[in-house]
């Protein structure tokens, strides 16, 4: 090694070098971890939205998408444009018939 690389090597492992390098590395590590966690969160949200959307059916009243909802009387299919459109469809009643 030459004197320049020796000096850089000594500076990196000195107290002054560590004061600069460690916080920077910590910030990078935190940013990477935050990105990974945020991506996992977005995948879970996308899955929840996909489960919420029942099918590609269209509301017969307004043309909006039909989504699965949960109310005080149980699950039902309702229009995504609620409260403008109040169309609902009960899956249980249809399954019983």
N, C-alpha and C. Protein backbone atom coordinates (compact mmCIF):
# COMPACT_ATOMS: atom_id res chain seq x y z
N UNK A 1 0.84 -1.19 0.00
CA UNK A 1 0.00 0.00 0.00
C UNK A 1 0.88 1.25 0.00
N UNK A 2 0.33 2.28 -0.57
CA UNK A 2 1.08 3.53 -0.55
C UNK A 2 0.62 4.39 0.63
N UNK A 3 1.24 5.50 0.80
CA UNK A 3 0.96 6.36 1.95
C UNK A 3 -0.47 6.90 1.93
N UNK A 4 -0.97 7.19 0.73
CA UNK A 4 -2.32 7.74 0.62
C UNK A 4 -3.36 6.73 1.11
N UNK A 5 -3.29 5.49 0.63
CA UNK A 5 -4.25 4.48 1.05
C UNK A 5 -4.09 4.15 2.53
N UNK A 6 -2.85 4.18 3.02
CA UNK A 6 -2.63 3.97 4.46
C UNK A 6 -3.33 5.05 5.27
N UNK A 7 -3.21 6.29 4.82
CA UNK A 7 -3.83 7.41 5.53
C UNK A 7 -5.36 7.27 5.52
N UNK A 8 -5.92 6.89 4.38
CA UNK A 8 -7.38 6.72 4.29
C UNK A 8 -7.82 5.59 5.20
N UNK A 9 -7.11 4.48 5.18
CA UNK A 9 -7.44 3.33 6.01
C UNK A 9 -7.40 3.70 7.49
N UNK A 10 -6.35 4.45 7.89
CA UNK A 10 -6.24 4.87 9.29
C UNK A 10 -7.37 5.84 9.66
N UNK A 11 -7.73 6.74 8.73
CA UNK A 11 -8.80 7.69 9.02
C UNK A 11 -10.14 6.98 9.18
N UNK A 12 -10.43 5.99 8.30
CA UNK A 12 -11.70 5.27 8.37
C UNK A 12 -11.88 4.61 9.73
N UNK A 13 -10.83 4.02 10.24
CA UNK A 13 -10.93 3.31 11.51
C UNK A 13 -10.57 4.17 12.72
N UNK A 14 -10.40 5.46 12.49
CA UNK A 14 -10.16 6.37 13.61
C UNK A 14 -11.50 6.83 14.17
N UNK A 15 -11.45 7.52 15.29
CA UNK A 15 -12.69 8.03 15.91
C UNK A 15 -13.38 9.02 14.97
N UNK A 16 -12.64 9.87 14.34
CA UNK A 16 -13.22 10.85 13.41
C UNK A 16 -13.88 10.19 12.22
N UNK A 17 -13.24 9.17 11.69
CA UNK A 17 -13.81 8.45 10.56
C UNK A 17 -15.07 7.72 10.94
N UNK A 18 -15.08 7.10 12.10
CA UNK A 18 -16.26 6.37 12.56
C UNK A 18 -17.43 7.31 12.82
N UNK A 19 -17.12 8.53 13.29
CA UNK A 19 -18.20 9.51 13.52
C UNK A 19 -18.89 9.89 12.23
N UNK A 20 -18.19 9.82 11.11
CA UNK A 20 -18.77 10.15 9.82
C UNK A 20 -19.41 8.92 9.18
N UNK A 21 -18.74 7.79 9.22
CA UNK A 21 -19.18 6.60 8.49
C UNK A 21 -20.36 5.90 9.17
N UNK A 22 -20.32 5.72 10.47
CA UNK A 22 -21.38 4.98 11.16
C UNK A 22 -22.76 5.64 11.04
N UNK A 23 -22.88 6.94 11.29
CA UNK A 23 -24.21 7.54 11.11
C UNK A 23 -24.72 7.44 9.68
N UNK A 24 -23.83 7.60 8.72
CA UNK A 24 -24.23 7.50 7.31
C UNK A 24 -24.70 6.09 6.99
N UNK A 25 -23.95 5.09 7.45
CA UNK A 25 -24.34 3.70 7.23
C UNK A 25 -25.65 3.39 7.95
N UNK A 26 -25.82 3.95 9.15
CA UNK A 26 -27.06 3.74 9.89
C UNK A 26 -28.26 4.30 9.16
N UNK A 27 -28.10 5.48 8.59
CA UNK A 27 -29.19 6.11 7.84
C UNK A 27 -29.55 5.27 6.61
N UNK A 28 -28.53 4.76 5.93
CA UNK A 28 -28.76 3.93 4.75
C UNK A 28 -29.49 2.64 5.15
N UNK A 29 -29.05 2.01 6.23
CA UNK A 29 -29.68 0.77 6.69
C UNK A 29 -31.13 1.03 7.09
N UNK A 30 -31.39 2.11 7.80
CA UNK A 30 -32.75 2.45 8.20
C UNK A 30 -33.62 2.70 6.98
N UNK A 31 -33.09 3.38 5.97
CA UNK A 31 -33.85 3.65 4.75
C UNK A 31 -34.19 2.35 4.01
N UNK A 32 -33.25 1.42 3.96
CA UNK A 32 -33.50 0.15 3.29
C UNK A 32 -34.56 -0.64 4.04
N UNK A 33 -34.46 -0.69 5.36
CA UNK A 33 -35.45 -1.42 6.16
C UNK A 33 -36.83 -0.78 6.01
N UNK A 34 -36.89 0.55 6.03
CA UNK A 34 -38.17 1.24 5.86
C UNK A 34 -38.78 0.93 4.49
N UNK A 35 -37.96 0.89 3.46
CA UNK A 35 -38.45 0.56 2.12
C UNK A 35 -39.01 -0.85 2.08
N UNK A 36 -38.33 -1.82 2.69
CA UNK A 36 -38.79 -3.20 2.71
C UNK A 36 -40.13 -3.30 3.44
N UNK A 37 -40.22 -2.66 4.62
CA UNK A 37 -41.45 -2.71 5.39
C UNK A 37 -42.60 -2.02 4.67
N UNK A 38 -42.32 -0.90 4.01
CA UNK A 38 -43.35 -0.16 3.27
C UNK A 38 -43.86 -1.00 2.10
N UNK A 39 -42.95 -1.70 1.40
CA UNK A 39 -43.36 -2.57 0.31
C UNK A 39 -44.26 -3.70 0.81
N UNK A 40 -43.90 -4.29 1.97
CA UNK A 40 -44.74 -5.34 2.56
C UNK A 40 -46.13 -4.79 2.89
N UNK A 41 -46.17 -3.59 3.46
CA UNK A 41 -47.43 -2.94 3.81
C UNK A 41 -48.28 -2.72 2.56
N UNK A 42 -47.66 -2.23 1.49
CA UNK A 42 -48.41 -1.98 0.26
C UNK A 42 -48.97 -3.28 -0.33
N UNK A 43 -48.19 -4.37 -0.25
CA UNK A 43 -48.69 -5.66 -0.74
C UNK A 43 -49.90 -6.11 0.07
N UNK A 44 -49.85 -5.92 1.40
CA UNK A 44 -50.99 -6.30 2.24
C UNK A 44 -52.21 -5.45 1.93
N UNK A 45 -52.01 -4.16 1.70
CA UNK A 45 -53.13 -3.29 1.35
C UNK A 45 -53.72 -3.71 0.01
N UNK A 46 -52.86 -4.00 -0.97
CA UNK A 46 -53.35 -4.44 -2.28
C UNK A 46 -54.15 -5.73 -2.15
N UNK A 47 -53.67 -6.67 -1.34
CA UNK A 47 -54.39 -7.93 -1.14
C UNK A 47 -55.74 -7.68 -0.48
N UNK A 48 -55.76 -6.78 0.50
CA UNK A 48 -57.02 -6.48 1.19
C UNK A 48 -58.02 -5.84 0.23
N UNK A 49 -57.54 -4.97 -0.63
CA UNK A 49 -58.42 -4.33 -1.61
C UNK A 49 -58.94 -5.37 -2.59
N UNK A 50 -58.05 -6.28 -3.04
CA UNK A 50 -58.48 -7.33 -3.96
C UNK A 50 -59.53 -8.22 -3.32
N UNK A 51 -59.37 -8.55 -2.04
CA UNK A 51 -60.38 -9.36 -1.35
C UNK A 51 -61.68 -8.59 -1.19
N UNK A 52 -61.57 -7.28 -1.03
CA UNK A 52 -62.75 -6.44 -0.82
C UNK A 52 -63.59 -6.37 -2.10
N UNK A 53 -62.91 -6.32 -3.23
CA UNK A 53 -63.64 -6.30 -4.50
C UNK A 53 -64.13 -7.71 -4.78
N UNK A 54 -65.40 -7.89 -4.88
CA UNK A 54 -65.98 -9.22 -5.04
C UNK A 54 -65.75 -9.74 -6.45
N UNK A 55 -66.17 -8.99 -7.40
CA UNK A 55 -66.05 -9.39 -8.79
C UNK A 55 -66.10 -8.16 -9.66
N UNK A 56 -66.00 -8.36 -10.91
CA UNK A 56 -66.01 -7.22 -11.84
C UNK A 56 -67.43 -6.78 -12.18
N UNK A 57 -68.41 -7.30 -11.42
CA UNK A 57 -69.80 -6.94 -11.69
C UNK A 57 -70.03 -5.45 -11.53
N UNK A 58 -70.99 -5.00 -12.25
CA UNK A 58 -71.32 -3.58 -12.26
C UNK A 58 -72.67 -3.40 -11.57
N UNK A 59 -72.78 -2.32 -10.81
CA UNK A 59 -74.04 -1.99 -10.14
C UNK A 59 -75.13 -1.75 -11.19
N UNK A 60 -76.29 -2.41 -11.05
CA UNK A 60 -77.36 -2.22 -12.02
C UNK A 60 -78.00 -0.84 -11.96
N UNK A 61 -77.81 -0.12 -10.86
CA UNK A 61 -78.44 1.20 -10.72
C UNK A 61 -77.57 2.32 -11.28
N UNK A 62 -76.26 2.29 -10.96
CA UNK A 62 -75.42 3.44 -11.34
C UNK A 62 -74.18 3.08 -12.16
N UNK A 63 -73.86 1.80 -12.28
CA UNK A 63 -72.69 1.40 -13.06
C UNK A 63 -71.40 1.34 -12.25
N UNK A 64 -71.48 1.57 -10.93
CA UNK A 64 -70.29 1.48 -10.07
C UNK A 64 -69.89 0.03 -9.83
N UNK A 65 -68.75 -0.17 -9.20
CA UNK A 65 -68.31 -1.52 -8.88
C UNK A 65 -69.04 -2.03 -7.64
N UNK A 66 -69.30 -3.34 -7.64
CA UNK A 66 -69.90 -3.97 -6.47
C UNK A 66 -68.79 -4.49 -5.57
N UNK A 67 -68.89 -4.19 -4.27
CA UNK A 67 -67.87 -4.60 -3.30
C UNK A 67 -68.53 -5.33 -2.14
N UNK A 68 -67.74 -6.17 -1.49
CA UNK A 68 -68.23 -6.90 -0.32
C UNK A 68 -68.15 -5.98 0.88
N UNK A 69 -69.21 -5.92 1.64
CA UNK A 69 -69.27 -5.06 2.83
C UNK A 69 -69.73 -5.88 4.03
N UNK A 70 -69.50 -5.34 5.21
CA UNK A 70 -69.96 -5.99 6.43
C UNK A 70 -70.79 -4.98 7.21
N UNK A 71 -72.01 -5.36 7.51
CA UNK A 71 -72.92 -4.50 8.27
C UNK A 71 -73.37 -5.18 9.55
N UNK A 72 -74.27 -4.54 10.27
CA UNK A 72 -74.71 -5.11 11.55
C UNK A 72 -75.52 -6.38 11.37
N UNK A 73 -76.04 -6.63 10.16
CA UNK A 73 -76.79 -7.87 9.88
C UNK A 73 -75.94 -8.89 9.12
N UNK A 74 -74.66 -8.64 8.97
CA UNK A 74 -73.79 -9.60 8.29
C UNK A 74 -73.21 -9.04 7.00
N UNK A 75 -72.60 -9.93 6.23
CA UNK A 75 -71.96 -9.53 4.97
C UNK A 75 -73.00 -9.34 3.87
N UNK A 76 -72.71 -8.42 2.97
CA UNK A 76 -73.57 -8.18 1.82
C UNK A 76 -72.75 -7.56 0.71
N UNK A 77 -73.32 -7.51 -0.47
CA UNK A 77 -72.69 -6.86 -1.62
C UNK A 77 -73.34 -5.49 -1.76
N UNK A 78 -72.50 -4.46 -1.91
CA UNK A 78 -73.03 -3.11 -2.05
C UNK A 78 -72.28 -2.34 -3.11
N UNK A 79 -72.86 -1.26 -3.54
CA UNK A 79 -72.24 -0.42 -4.56
C UNK A 79 -71.10 0.40 -3.95
N UNK A 80 -70.02 0.55 -4.70
CA UNK A 80 -68.88 1.32 -4.22
C UNK A 80 -69.17 2.83 -4.21
N UNK A 81 -70.26 3.24 -4.82
CA UNK A 81 -70.60 4.67 -4.86
C UNK A 81 -71.53 5.09 -3.72
N UNK A 82 -71.62 4.26 -2.67
CA UNK A 82 -72.43 4.62 -1.51
C UNK A 82 -71.84 5.89 -0.89
N UNK A 83 -72.60 6.85 -0.47
CA UNK A 83 -74.04 6.92 -0.24
C UNK A 83 -74.85 7.44 -1.43
N UNK A 84 -74.18 7.83 -2.53
CA UNK A 84 -74.96 8.30 -3.69
C UNK A 84 -75.86 7.20 -4.22
N UNK A 85 -75.33 5.99 -4.28
CA UNK A 85 -76.11 4.84 -4.74
C UNK A 85 -76.25 3.87 -3.57
N UNK A 86 -77.46 3.44 -3.28
CA UNK A 86 -77.70 2.57 -2.12
C UNK A 86 -78.03 1.14 -2.52
N UNK A 87 -77.59 0.71 -3.71
CA UNK A 87 -77.87 -0.65 -4.16
C UNK A 87 -77.14 -1.66 -3.26
N UNK A 88 -77.86 -2.69 -2.80
CA UNK A 88 -77.26 -3.77 -2.03
C UNK A 88 -77.80 -5.09 -2.54
N UNK A 89 -77.05 -6.12 -2.25
CA UNK A 89 -77.42 -7.47 -2.68
C UNK A 89 -76.98 -8.42 -1.57
N UNK A 90 -77.90 -9.24 -1.08
CA UNK A 90 -77.59 -10.16 0.01
C UNK A 90 -77.20 -11.52 -0.55
N UNK A 91 -75.94 -11.93 -0.33
CA UNK A 91 -75.46 -13.22 -0.83
C UNK A 91 -76.17 -14.39 -0.16
N UNK A 92 -76.43 -14.27 1.13
CA UNK A 92 -77.03 -15.38 1.90
C UNK A 92 -78.43 -15.71 1.38
N UNK A 93 -79.22 -14.68 1.13
CA UNK A 93 -80.58 -14.92 0.64
C UNK A 93 -80.56 -15.59 -0.72
N UNK A 94 -79.64 -15.20 -1.58
CA UNK A 94 -79.54 -15.81 -2.90
C UNK A 94 -79.07 -17.25 -2.79
N UNK A 95 -78.14 -17.53 -1.86
CA UNK A 95 -77.64 -18.89 -1.69
C UNK A 95 -78.71 -19.82 -1.14
N UNK A 96 -79.62 -19.30 -0.32
CA UNK A 96 -80.69 -20.12 0.26
C UNK A 96 -81.73 -20.51 -0.79
N UNK A 97 -81.93 -19.64 -1.79
CA UNK A 97 -82.96 -19.90 -2.83
C UNK A 97 -82.49 -20.89 -3.85
